[in-house]
N, C-alpha and C. Protein backbone atom coordinates (compact mmCIF):
# COMPACT_ATOMS: atom_id res chain seq x y z
N UNK A 1 7.59 -5.56 11.54
CA UNK A 1 6.55 -5.63 12.39
C UNK A 1 5.27 -5.80 11.40
N UNK A 2 5.09 -4.85 10.36
CA UNK A 2 4.07 -4.89 9.43
C UNK A 2 4.07 -6.04 8.54
N UNK A 3 5.17 -6.51 8.16
CA UNK A 3 5.02 -8.03 7.49
C UNK A 3 4.55 -9.22 8.27
N UNK A 4 4.67 -9.21 9.69
CA UNK A 4 4.10 -9.89 10.27
C UNK A 4 2.74 -9.96 10.70
N UNK A 5 1.98 -8.90 10.64
CA UNK A 5 0.67 -8.64 10.61
C UNK A 5 -0.22 -9.30 9.61
N UNK A 6 0.06 -9.12 8.36
CA UNK A 6 -0.64 -9.81 7.35
C UNK A 6 -0.86 -11.39 7.43
N UNK A 7 0.39 -12.02 7.91
CA UNK A 7 0.05 -13.49 7.69
C UNK A 7 -0.73 -13.86 9.08
N UNK A 8 -0.63 -13.22 10.08
CA UNK A 8 -1.46 -13.46 11.44
C UNK A 8 -2.87 -12.95 11.17
N UNK A 9 -3.09 -11.89 10.60
CA UNK A 9 -4.67 -11.32 10.31
C UNK A 9 -5.07 -12.36 9.17
N UNK A 10 -4.39 -13.05 8.45
CA UNK A 10 -5.17 -14.15 7.61
C UNK A 10 -5.38 -15.46 8.44
N UNK A 11 -4.26 -15.71 9.23
CA UNK A 11 -4.71 -17.05 10.15
C UNK A 11 -5.79 -16.59 10.94
N UNK A 12 -6.08 -15.57 11.69
CA UNK A 12 -7.03 -15.52 12.65
C UNK A 12 -8.28 -15.25 11.84
N UNK A 13 -8.25 -14.52 10.73
CA UNK A 13 -9.74 -14.67 9.52
C UNK A 13 -9.80 -16.14 9.33
N UNK A 14 -9.02 -16.85 8.96
CA UNK A 14 -9.17 -18.07 8.29
C UNK A 14 -9.69 -18.83 9.53
N UNK A 15 -9.21 -18.85 10.89
CA UNK A 15 -10.01 -19.48 11.89
C UNK A 15 -11.51 -18.99 12.41
N UNK A 16 -11.71 -17.68 12.20
CA UNK A 16 -13.05 -17.10 12.64
C UNK A 16 -13.97 -17.73 11.32
N UNK A 17 -13.45 -17.42 10.20
CA UNK A 17 -14.38 -17.90 9.15
C UNK A 17 -14.72 -19.16 8.81
N UNK A 18 -13.71 -20.12 9.43
CA UNK A 18 -13.48 -21.46 9.05
C UNK A 18 -14.20 -22.19 10.45
N UNK A 19 -15.04 -21.48 11.14
CA UNK A 19 -15.13 -22.10 12.63
C UNK A 19 -15.99 -23.18 12.44
N UNK A 20 -16.78 -23.39 11.60
CA UNK A 20 -17.91 -24.43 11.22
C UNK A 20 -17.12 -25.78 10.53
N UNK A 21 -15.78 -25.43 9.73
CA UNK A 21 -15.28 -26.49 9.24
C UNK A 21 -14.19 -27.24 9.83
N UNK A 22 -14.04 -28.41 9.80
CA UNK A 22 -12.97 -29.31 10.65
C UNK A 22 -11.87 -29.42 9.87
N UNK A 23 -10.69 -29.00 9.95
CA UNK A 23 -9.50 -29.47 9.20
C UNK A 23 -8.80 -30.75 9.99
N UNK A 24 -9.36 -30.88 11.21
CA UNK A 24 -8.90 -32.27 11.74
C UNK A 24 -9.16 -33.39 10.83
N UNK A 25 -7.98 -34.26 10.81
CA UNK A 25 -7.93 -35.26 9.92
C UNK A 25 -7.46 -36.54 11.07
N UNK A 26 -7.44 -36.46 12.21
CA UNK A 26 -7.06 -37.52 13.27
C UNK A 26 -8.12 -38.30 13.69
N UNK A 27 -7.87 -39.57 13.42
CA UNK A 27 -8.79 -40.60 13.74
C UNK A 27 -9.31 -40.26 15.11
N UNK A 28 -10.79 -40.54 15.17
CA UNK A 28 -11.31 -40.30 16.60
C UNK A 28 -11.33 -41.66 17.33
N UNK A 29 -11.45 -41.58 18.67
CA UNK A 29 -11.34 -43.01 19.45
C UNK A 29 -12.38 -43.41 19.70
N UNK A 30 -13.34 -43.61 18.91
CA UNK A 30 -14.88 -43.86 19.26
C UNK A 30 -14.87 -45.35 18.99
N UNK A 31 -15.88 -45.92 20.05
CA UNK A 31 -16.29 -47.36 19.98
C UNK A 31 -17.82 -47.34 19.46
N UNK A 32 -17.90 -48.22 18.54
CA UNK A 32 -19.21 -48.52 17.81
C UNK A 32 -19.98 -49.54 19.09
N UNK A 33 -20.99 -49.31 19.35
CA UNK A 33 -21.66 -50.40 20.48
C UNK A 33 -22.52 -51.18 19.62
N UNK A 34 -23.54 -50.29 18.96
CA UNK A 34 -24.63 -51.36 18.11
C UNK A 34 -24.82 -50.48 16.98
N UNK A 35 -25.13 -51.17 15.97
CA UNK A 35 -24.85 -52.42 15.62
C UNK A 35 -23.30 -52.81 15.68
N UNK A 36 -22.54 -53.55 15.59
CA UNK A 36 -21.19 -53.86 15.76
C UNK A 36 -20.66 -53.93 14.15
N UNK A 37 -20.46 -52.39 13.67
CA UNK A 37 -19.96 -52.09 12.51
C UNK A 37 -18.57 -51.34 12.72
N UNK A 38 -18.09 -50.65 11.61
CA UNK A 38 -17.03 -50.15 11.72
C UNK A 38 -16.99 -48.71 11.35
N UNK A 39 -18.61 -48.48 11.13
CA UNK A 39 -18.81 -47.00 10.70
C UNK A 39 -18.38 -45.94 11.72
N UNK A 40 -18.18 -45.00 10.91
CA UNK A 40 -17.35 -43.78 11.72
C UNK A 40 -18.11 -42.61 11.17
N UNK A 41 -18.43 -41.82 11.97
CA UNK A 41 -19.22 -40.40 11.39
C UNK A 41 -18.53 -39.43 10.60
N UNK A 42 -17.19 -39.22 10.58
CA UNK A 42 -16.74 -38.49 9.79
C UNK A 42 -16.03 -39.15 8.38
N UNK A 43 -16.28 -40.53 8.27
CA UNK A 43 -15.61 -41.16 7.37
C UNK A 43 -16.87 -41.18 6.05
N UNK A 44 -16.85 -40.76 4.99
CA UNK A 44 -17.73 -40.96 3.75
C UNK A 44 -17.38 -39.96 2.80
N UNK A 45 -18.11 -40.21 1.72
CA UNK A 45 -17.99 -39.29 0.64
C UNK A 45 -18.16 -37.98 0.56
N UNK A 46 -17.41 -37.15 -0.26
CA UNK A 46 -17.46 -35.59 -0.19
C UNK A 46 -18.98 -35.23 -0.44
N UNK A 47 -19.60 -34.57 0.39
CA UNK A 47 -20.90 -34.04 0.13
C UNK A 47 -22.21 -34.76 1.12
N UNK A 48 -21.55 -35.97 1.56
CA UNK A 48 -22.45 -36.91 2.23
C UNK A 48 -22.85 -36.35 3.56
N UNK A 49 -24.06 -36.61 4.07
CA UNK A 49 -24.67 -35.71 5.37
C UNK A 49 -24.62 -36.86 6.29
N UNK A 50 -24.46 -36.54 7.43
CA UNK A 50 -24.23 -37.10 8.97
C UNK A 50 -24.81 -36.38 9.77
N UNK A 51 -26.04 -37.12 10.56
CA UNK A 51 -26.54 -36.53 11.86
C UNK A 51 -26.23 -37.42 12.91
N UNK A 52 -25.89 -36.40 13.95
CA UNK A 52 -25.28 -36.93 15.29
C UNK A 52 -26.38 -36.44 16.43
N UNK A 53 -26.87 -37.35 17.12
CA UNK A 53 -27.73 -37.01 18.39
C UNK A 53 -26.69 -37.14 19.57
N UNK A 54 -26.46 -36.46 20.50
CA UNK A 54 -25.43 -36.66 21.41
C UNK A 54 -26.52 -36.89 22.85
N UNK A 55 -26.51 -38.18 23.25
CA UNK A 55 -27.44 -38.55 24.35
C UNK A 55 -26.68 -39.12 25.58
N UNK A 56 -27.90 -39.19 26.53
CA UNK A 56 -27.09 -39.93 27.72
C UNK A 56 -27.91 -40.99 28.19
N UNK A 57 -27.64 -42.28 28.35
CA UNK A 57 -28.66 -43.22 28.84
C UNK A 57 -29.44 -42.83 30.25
N UNK A 58 -28.85 -42.04 31.04
CA UNK A 58 -29.20 -41.42 32.12
C UNK A 58 -30.08 -40.27 32.01
N UNK A 59 -30.11 -39.64 31.05
CA UNK A 59 -30.70 -38.47 30.92
C UNK A 59 -32.47 -38.44 30.54
N UNK A 60 -33.23 -38.10 31.38
CA UNK A 60 -34.52 -38.31 31.41
C UNK A 60 -35.32 -37.57 30.23
N UNK A 61 -34.67 -36.52 29.87
CA UNK A 61 -34.94 -35.53 28.67
C UNK A 61 -34.71 -36.56 27.41
N UNK A 62 -33.67 -36.88 27.14
CA UNK A 62 -32.98 -37.61 26.13
C UNK A 62 -33.92 -38.93 25.63
N UNK A 63 -34.35 -39.65 27.22
CA UNK A 63 -34.87 -40.93 27.02
C UNK A 63 -36.17 -40.56 26.44
N UNK A 64 -37.10 -39.60 27.04
CA UNK A 64 -38.13 -39.16 26.47
C UNK A 64 -38.28 -38.79 25.08
N UNK A 65 -37.20 -38.35 24.45
CA UNK A 65 -37.26 -37.94 23.21
C UNK A 65 -36.65 -39.42 22.11
N UNK A 66 -36.45 -40.47 22.79
CA UNK A 66 -36.04 -41.45 22.08
C UNK A 66 -37.07 -41.96 20.92
N UNK A 67 -38.41 -41.89 21.13
CA UNK A 67 -39.24 -42.41 19.94
C UNK A 67 -38.90 -41.28 18.72
N UNK A 68 -39.13 -39.89 19.21
CA UNK A 68 -38.74 -38.82 18.16
C UNK A 68 -37.42 -39.27 17.35
N UNK A 69 -36.46 -39.49 18.10
CA UNK A 69 -35.17 -39.32 17.76
C UNK A 69 -35.05 -40.88 16.75
N UNK A 70 -35.63 -42.03 17.04
CA UNK A 70 -35.76 -43.11 16.17
C UNK A 70 -36.49 -42.57 14.72
N UNK A 71 -37.68 -41.97 15.03
CA UNK A 71 -38.38 -41.75 14.02
C UNK A 71 -37.87 -40.58 12.91
N UNK A 72 -36.73 -39.68 13.64
CA UNK A 72 -35.89 -38.94 12.59
C UNK A 72 -34.94 -40.02 11.74
N UNK A 73 -34.25 -40.75 12.97
CA UNK A 73 -33.18 -41.76 12.06
C UNK A 73 -33.82 -42.53 10.97
N UNK A 74 -35.03 -42.92 11.09
CA UNK A 74 -35.77 -43.41 9.85
C UNK A 74 -35.97 -42.97 8.58
N UNK A 75 -36.16 -41.39 8.73
CA UNK A 75 -36.35 -40.68 7.72
C UNK A 75 -35.11 -40.32 7.12
N UNK A 76 -34.17 -39.95 7.94
CA UNK A 76 -32.74 -39.83 7.59
C UNK A 76 -32.33 -40.83 6.94
N UNK A 77 -32.32 -42.22 7.31
CA UNK A 77 -31.63 -43.28 6.58
C UNK A 77 -32.52 -43.11 5.02
N UNK A 78 -33.57 -43.07 5.03
CA UNK A 78 -34.56 -43.08 3.85
C UNK A 78 -33.93 -42.16 2.77
N UNK A 79 -33.33 -40.98 3.48
CA UNK A 79 -32.72 -39.89 2.38
C UNK A 79 -31.23 -40.12 2.18
N UNK A 80 -30.85 -41.10 2.67
CA UNK A 80 -29.42 -41.43 2.62
C UNK A 80 -28.56 -40.86 3.63
N UNK A 81 -29.08 -40.28 4.71
CA UNK A 81 -28.18 -39.46 5.70
C UNK A 81 -27.72 -40.56 6.78
N UNK A 82 -26.60 -40.57 6.95
CA UNK A 82 -26.18 -41.69 8.17
C UNK A 82 -26.48 -41.10 9.46
N UNK A 83 -26.91 -41.96 10.17
CA UNK A 83 -27.18 -41.23 11.55
C UNK A 83 -26.64 -41.88 12.74
N UNK A 84 -26.10 -41.08 13.77
CA UNK A 84 -25.32 -41.70 15.19
C UNK A 84 -26.17 -41.27 16.26
N UNK A 85 -26.10 -42.08 17.15
CA UNK A 85 -26.28 -41.62 18.66
C UNK A 85 -25.05 -41.72 19.18
N UNK A 86 -24.49 -40.60 19.73
CA UNK A 86 -23.24 -40.53 20.35
C UNK A 86 -23.45 -40.25 22.04
N UNK A 87 -22.87 -41.12 22.84
CA UNK A 87 -22.78 -40.96 24.50
C UNK A 87 -21.57 -40.65 24.61
N UNK A 88 -21.55 -39.44 25.03
CA UNK A 88 -20.06 -38.58 25.46
C UNK A 88 -19.68 -38.76 26.91
N UNK A 89 -20.58 -39.65 27.59
CA UNK A 89 -19.82 -40.13 28.96
C UNK A 89 -18.89 -41.12 28.86
N UNK A 90 -17.98 -41.10 30.03
CA UNK A 90 -16.89 -42.08 30.05
C UNK A 90 -17.31 -42.91 30.99
N UNK A 91 -18.16 -43.01 31.89
CA UNK A 91 -18.62 -44.38 32.80
C UNK A 91 -19.61 -45.34 32.47
N UNK A 92 -20.62 -45.03 31.34
CA UNK A 92 -21.34 -46.21 30.93
C UNK A 92 -20.52 -47.54 30.32
N UNK A 93 -21.02 -48.65 30.88
CA UNK A 93 -20.14 -49.91 30.30
C UNK A 93 -20.94 -50.15 29.02
N UNK A 94 -20.37 -50.90 28.27
CA UNK A 94 -20.75 -50.91 26.69
C UNK A 94 -22.02 -51.92 26.81
N UNK A 95 -22.17 -52.73 27.98
CA UNK A 95 -23.33 -53.56 28.13
C UNK A 95 -24.52 -52.46 28.40
N UNK A 96 -24.32 -51.53 29.22
CA UNK A 96 -25.47 -50.65 29.54
C UNK A 96 -25.87 -49.60 28.42
N UNK A 97 -24.97 -49.30 27.56
CA UNK A 97 -25.17 -48.81 26.28
C UNK A 97 -25.69 -49.69 25.18
N UNK A 98 -25.55 -50.92 25.00
CA UNK A 98 -26.08 -51.94 24.28
C UNK A 98 -27.55 -52.01 24.80
N UNK A 99 -28.10 -52.31 25.99
CA UNK A 99 -29.22 -52.42 26.57
C UNK A 99 -29.89 -51.25 26.29
N UNK A 100 -29.31 -49.98 26.34
CA UNK A 100 -30.12 -48.76 26.32
C UNK A 100 -30.66 -48.78 24.76
N UNK A 101 -29.72 -49.24 23.89
CA UNK A 101 -30.04 -49.21 22.42
C UNK A 101 -30.93 -50.25 22.10
N UNK A 102 -31.09 -51.22 22.72
CA UNK A 102 -32.18 -52.43 22.46
C UNK A 102 -33.38 -51.77 23.21
N UNK A 103 -33.42 -51.24 24.51
CA UNK A 103 -34.62 -50.84 24.94
C UNK A 103 -35.39 -49.77 24.27
N UNK A 104 -34.48 -49.00 23.60
CA UNK A 104 -35.38 -47.80 22.85
C UNK A 104 -35.20 -48.09 21.21
N UNK A 105 -35.09 -49.34 20.81
CA UNK A 105 -35.35 -49.78 19.51
C UNK A 105 -34.37 -49.06 18.33
N UNK A 106 -33.16 -48.65 18.81
CA UNK A 106 -32.12 -48.21 17.75
C UNK A 106 -31.30 -49.23 17.06
N UNK A 107 -31.59 -50.65 16.94
CA UNK A 107 -31.08 -51.64 16.30
C UNK A 107 -31.75 -51.55 14.82
N UNK A 108 -30.69 -51.55 14.03
CA UNK A 108 -30.78 -51.35 12.45
C UNK A 108 -31.02 -49.94 12.03
N UNK A 109 -31.32 -48.81 12.75
CA UNK A 109 -31.62 -47.64 12.46
C UNK A 109 -30.45 -46.72 12.73
N UNK A 110 -30.09 -46.75 14.10
CA UNK A 110 -29.09 -45.76 14.65
C UNK A 110 -27.81 -46.57 14.74
N UNK A 111 -26.97 -46.00 14.62
CA UNK A 111 -25.22 -46.62 14.92
C UNK A 111 -25.12 -45.60 16.33
N UNK A 112 -24.86 -46.67 17.35
CA UNK A 112 -24.55 -46.32 18.75
C UNK A 112 -23.16 -46.30 19.00
N UNK A 113 -22.58 -44.97 19.12
CA UNK A 113 -20.99 -44.85 19.43
C UNK A 113 -20.91 -44.39 21.06
N UNK A 114 -19.87 -45.01 21.56
CA UNK A 114 -19.55 -44.33 22.81
C UNK A 114 -18.29 -43.45 22.59
N UNK A 115 -18.22 -42.38 22.90
CA UNK A 115 -17.24 -41.01 22.90
C UNK A 115 -16.64 -40.90 24.25
N UNK A 116 -16.20 -41.95 24.71
CA UNK A 116 -15.70 -41.69 25.99
C UNK A 116 -14.64 -40.69 26.39
N UNK A 117 -13.79 -40.43 25.53
CA UNK A 117 -12.86 -39.21 25.35
C UNK A 117 -13.48 -37.85 25.04
N UNK A 118 -14.63 -37.75 24.77
CA UNK A 118 -15.54 -36.65 24.21
C UNK A 118 -14.51 -35.70 23.18
N UNK A 119 -14.07 -36.76 22.31
CA UNK A 119 -13.19 -36.07 21.18
C UNK A 119 -14.34 -35.57 20.14
N UNK A 120 -15.23 -36.30 19.60
CA UNK A 120 -16.27 -35.82 18.92
C UNK A 120 -17.19 -34.85 19.33
N UNK A 121 -17.44 -34.95 20.38
CA UNK A 121 -18.29 -33.85 21.25
C UNK A 121 -17.81 -32.47 21.23
N UNK A 122 -16.38 -32.44 21.61
CA UNK A 122 -15.87 -31.29 21.45
C UNK A 122 -15.75 -30.58 19.99
N UNK A 123 -15.22 -31.71 19.53
CA UNK A 123 -14.84 -31.47 17.86
C UNK A 123 -16.23 -30.68 17.22
N UNK A 124 -17.44 -31.22 17.37
CA UNK A 124 -18.97 -30.75 16.95
C UNK A 124 -19.04 -29.57 17.66
N UNK A 125 -18.81 -29.38 19.08
CA UNK A 125 -19.37 -28.21 19.76
C UNK A 125 -20.47 -28.68 20.61
N UNK A 126 -20.99 -29.95 20.93
CA UNK A 126 -21.98 -30.08 21.54
C UNK A 126 -21.84 -30.10 22.90
N UNK A 127 -22.77 -29.54 23.76
CA UNK A 127 -22.42 -29.16 25.34
C UNK A 127 -23.54 -29.74 26.18
N UNK A 128 -24.56 -30.27 25.60
CA UNK A 128 -25.85 -30.80 26.47
C UNK A 128 -26.39 -32.12 25.90
N UNK A 129 -27.06 -32.96 26.62
CA UNK A 129 -27.76 -34.12 26.02
C UNK A 129 -29.10 -33.75 26.30
N UNK A 130 -30.04 -34.16 25.10
CA UNK A 130 -29.85 -34.20 24.11
C UNK A 130 -29.41 -32.94 23.07
N UNK A 131 -28.66 -33.22 22.20
CA UNK A 131 -28.00 -32.07 21.39
C UNK A 131 -27.93 -33.02 19.91
N UNK A 132 -28.19 -32.27 18.82
CA UNK A 132 -28.00 -32.61 17.61
C UNK A 132 -27.52 -31.72 16.91
N UNK A 133 -26.53 -32.45 15.78
CA UNK A 133 -25.97 -31.68 14.95
C UNK A 133 -26.03 -32.64 13.48
N UNK A 134 -25.98 -31.73 12.55
CA UNK A 134 -25.87 -32.24 10.99
C UNK A 134 -24.53 -31.92 10.27
N UNK A 135 -24.03 -32.52 10.06
CA UNK A 135 -22.93 -32.44 8.98
C UNK A 135 -22.80 -32.71 7.65
N UNK A 136 -22.03 -31.97 6.67
CA UNK A 136 -21.79 -32.42 5.34
C UNK A 136 -20.38 -32.73 5.28
N UNK A 137 -19.85 -33.76 5.03
CA UNK A 137 -18.70 -34.33 4.92
C UNK A 137 -17.98 -33.90 3.40
N UNK A 138 -16.31 -33.53 3.79
CA UNK A 138 -15.70 -33.09 2.86
C UNK A 138 -14.89 -34.46 2.21
N UNK A 139 -15.08 -35.74 2.60
CA UNK A 139 -14.25 -36.77 1.87
C UNK A 139 -13.02 -36.94 2.41
N UNK A 140 -12.36 -36.24 3.22
CA UNK A 140 -10.92 -36.25 3.62
C UNK A 140 -11.15 -36.24 5.01
N UNK A 141 -12.14 -36.39 5.82
CA UNK A 141 -12.20 -36.36 7.25
C UNK A 141 -12.61 -35.39 7.96
N UNK A 142 -12.99 -34.22 7.19
CA UNK A 142 -13.04 -33.12 7.65
C UNK A 142 -14.80 -32.74 7.43
N UNK A 143 -15.37 -31.54 7.58
CA UNK A 143 -16.82 -31.40 7.67
C UNK A 143 -17.16 -29.87 7.67
N UNK A 144 -18.43 -29.98 7.22
CA UNK A 144 -18.74 -28.76 7.52
C UNK A 144 -20.22 -28.76 8.51
N UNK A 145 -20.18 -27.91 9.68
CA UNK A 145 -21.23 -28.36 10.28
C UNK A 145 -22.46 -27.45 9.89
N UNK A 146 -23.41 -27.86 9.57
CA UNK A 146 -24.89 -27.41 8.94
C UNK A 146 -25.61 -26.84 9.89
N UNK A 147 -25.86 -27.83 11.09
CA UNK A 147 -26.77 -27.59 12.14
C UNK A 147 -26.24 -28.04 13.39
N UNK A 148 -26.58 -27.28 14.49
CA UNK A 148 -26.22 -27.74 15.92
C UNK A 148 -27.43 -27.16 16.72
N UNK A 149 -27.91 -27.97 17.47
CA UNK A 149 -28.98 -27.64 18.53
C UNK A 149 -30.14 -28.58 18.94
N UNK A 150 -31.42 -28.30 19.01
CA UNK A 150 -32.08 -29.43 19.90
C UNK A 150 -32.73 -30.38 18.64
N UNK A 151 -32.96 -31.45 19.17
CA UNK A 151 -33.64 -32.37 18.31
C UNK A 151 -35.02 -31.93 17.73
N UNK A 152 -35.87 -31.47 18.94
CA UNK A 152 -37.36 -30.68 18.65
C UNK A 152 -37.56 -29.89 20.03
N UNK A 153 -38.83 -29.71 20.33
CA UNK A 153 -39.16 -28.80 21.26
C UNK A 153 -40.04 -29.79 22.25
N UNK A 154 -40.06 -30.70 22.31
CA UNK A 154 -40.74 -31.57 23.26
C UNK A 154 -40.89 -30.89 24.66
N UNK A 155 -39.43 -30.26 24.96
CA UNK A 155 -39.39 -29.71 26.19
C UNK A 155 -39.50 -28.10 26.09
N UNK A 156 -40.36 -27.54 26.69
CA UNK A 156 -40.36 -25.90 26.52
C UNK A 156 -39.24 -25.62 27.53
N UNK A 157 -38.94 -26.19 28.52
CA UNK A 157 -38.10 -25.95 29.45
C UNK A 157 -37.85 -26.97 30.33
N UNK A 158 -36.73 -27.18 31.34
CA UNK A 158 -36.72 -28.23 32.15
C UNK A 158 -37.90 -28.60 33.10
N UNK A 159 -38.31 -29.69 32.86
CA UNK A 159 -39.59 -29.89 33.89
C UNK A 159 -40.89 -29.52 33.02
N UNK A 160 -40.74 -28.92 32.10
CA UNK A 160 -42.15 -28.51 31.07
C UNK A 160 -42.00 -29.08 29.90
N UNK A 161 -42.70 -30.45 30.00
CA UNK A 161 -42.93 -31.21 28.86
C UNK A 161 -44.30 -30.84 28.07
N UNK A 162 -44.14 -30.60 26.68
CA UNK A 162 -45.26 -30.74 25.97
C UNK A 162 -45.94 -32.10 25.62
N UNK A 163 -46.94 -32.32 25.37
CA UNK A 163 -47.74 -33.41 24.95
C UNK A 163 -47.13 -33.94 23.60
N UNK A 164 -46.93 -32.76 22.63
CA UNK A 164 -45.95 -33.56 21.44
C UNK A 164 -45.29 -32.12 21.19
N UNK A 165 -44.07 -32.36 20.27
CA UNK A 165 -43.41 -31.36 19.86
C UNK A 165 -44.13 -30.62 18.94
N UNK A 166 -43.62 -29.19 19.02
CA UNK A 166 -44.32 -28.37 17.67
C UNK A 166 -43.35 -28.25 16.50
N UNK A 167 -42.18 -28.27 16.94
CA UNK A 167 -41.01 -28.09 16.10
C UNK A 167 -40.12 -28.98 16.03
N UNK A 168 -39.82 -29.51 14.89
CA UNK A 168 -38.59 -30.69 14.88
C UNK A 168 -37.47 -29.92 14.01
N UNK A 169 -36.85 -29.59 14.74
CA UNK A 169 -35.58 -29.10 14.27
C UNK A 169 -34.63 -29.83 13.52
N UNK A 170 -34.13 -30.84 14.11
CA UNK A 170 -33.37 -31.77 13.60
C UNK A 170 -33.74 -32.36 12.03
N UNK A 171 -35.06 -32.56 12.30
CA UNK A 171 -35.58 -33.29 10.99
C UNK A 171 -35.96 -32.06 9.82
N UNK A 172 -35.95 -31.00 10.17
CA UNK A 172 -36.34 -29.69 9.20
C UNK A 172 -34.88 -29.46 8.59
N UNK A 173 -33.76 -29.51 9.37
CA UNK A 173 -32.77 -29.28 9.06
C UNK A 173 -32.13 -30.39 8.02
N UNK A 174 -32.28 -31.70 8.31
CA UNK A 174 -32.22 -32.87 7.32
C UNK A 174 -32.83 -32.68 6.31
N UNK A 175 -34.09 -32.45 6.20
CA UNK A 175 -35.05 -32.31 4.96
C UNK A 175 -34.50 -31.37 3.99
N UNK A 176 -34.19 -30.03 4.59
CA UNK A 176 -33.43 -28.87 3.97
C UNK A 176 -32.18 -29.41 3.43
N UNK A 177 -31.47 -29.72 4.05
CA UNK A 177 -29.91 -30.12 3.58
C UNK A 177 -29.85 -31.30 2.47
N UNK A 178 -30.96 -32.35 2.49
CA UNK A 178 -31.02 -33.24 1.74
C UNK A 178 -31.54 -32.73 0.26
N UNK A 179 -32.35 -31.75 0.44
CA UNK A 179 -32.85 -31.17 -0.74
C UNK A 179 -32.29 -30.11 -1.22
N UNK A 180 -31.18 -29.71 -0.65
CA UNK A 180 -30.22 -28.72 -1.28
C UNK A 180 -30.79 -27.43 -0.91
N UNK A 181 -31.57 -27.13 0.02
CA UNK A 181 -31.97 -26.08 0.64
C UNK A 181 -31.27 -25.42 1.64
N UNK A 182 -31.25 -24.09 1.80
CA UNK A 182 -30.68 -23.68 3.26
C UNK A 182 -31.34 -24.06 4.37
N UNK A 183 -30.85 -24.20 5.71
CA UNK A 183 -31.48 -24.39 6.67
C UNK A 183 -31.61 -23.46 7.45
N UNK A 184 -32.96 -23.09 7.90
CA UNK A 184 -33.81 -21.77 8.36
C UNK A 184 -33.15 -21.59 9.55
N UNK A 185 -32.76 -22.51 10.57
CA UNK A 185 -32.06 -22.09 11.87
C UNK A 185 -31.09 -23.32 12.02
N UNK A 186 -29.78 -22.63 11.54
CA UNK A 186 -28.50 -23.52 11.68
C UNK A 186 -27.96 -23.68 13.00
N UNK A 187 -28.46 -22.90 13.92
CA UNK A 187 -27.94 -23.29 15.53
C UNK A 187 -29.21 -22.65 16.35
């Protein structure tokens, strides 16, 4: 019995400590909506950064944040950070998502993905829209999750919108990680 406890302890400790790192190497069934590329969020060189924003074309809060999301994507791209908008819902058509990307000016800056099976959404741990994540890739299909949380604080609460955000959490995380600094609020 004692001989079996050490391997179990090591396995559980590894799971607990490695909760932010993905060992999954299984290709995800994501569909790139716009632009039509083969870009995949977990493919890249070791140490590269990837920002994800989980959105819904029907979410008024996400739609209100689209100008801010586009602005963050522009700075992320300038810093060499790949940027993806992820639609985790199963029902929107490709045309609806393409129209949404066009209507909110995502062409050229943001790669829009359909995650209809919510594989990436579950892997990252996103639970609401809009929600943002910042990852550091390991170069083998895995990642370290550096940040998971809000894009900004445009909404103090549901139905309580500020005129302008006072905190830009995702942008702060991108700046810190791209400059080699610790992220002040990783979640």
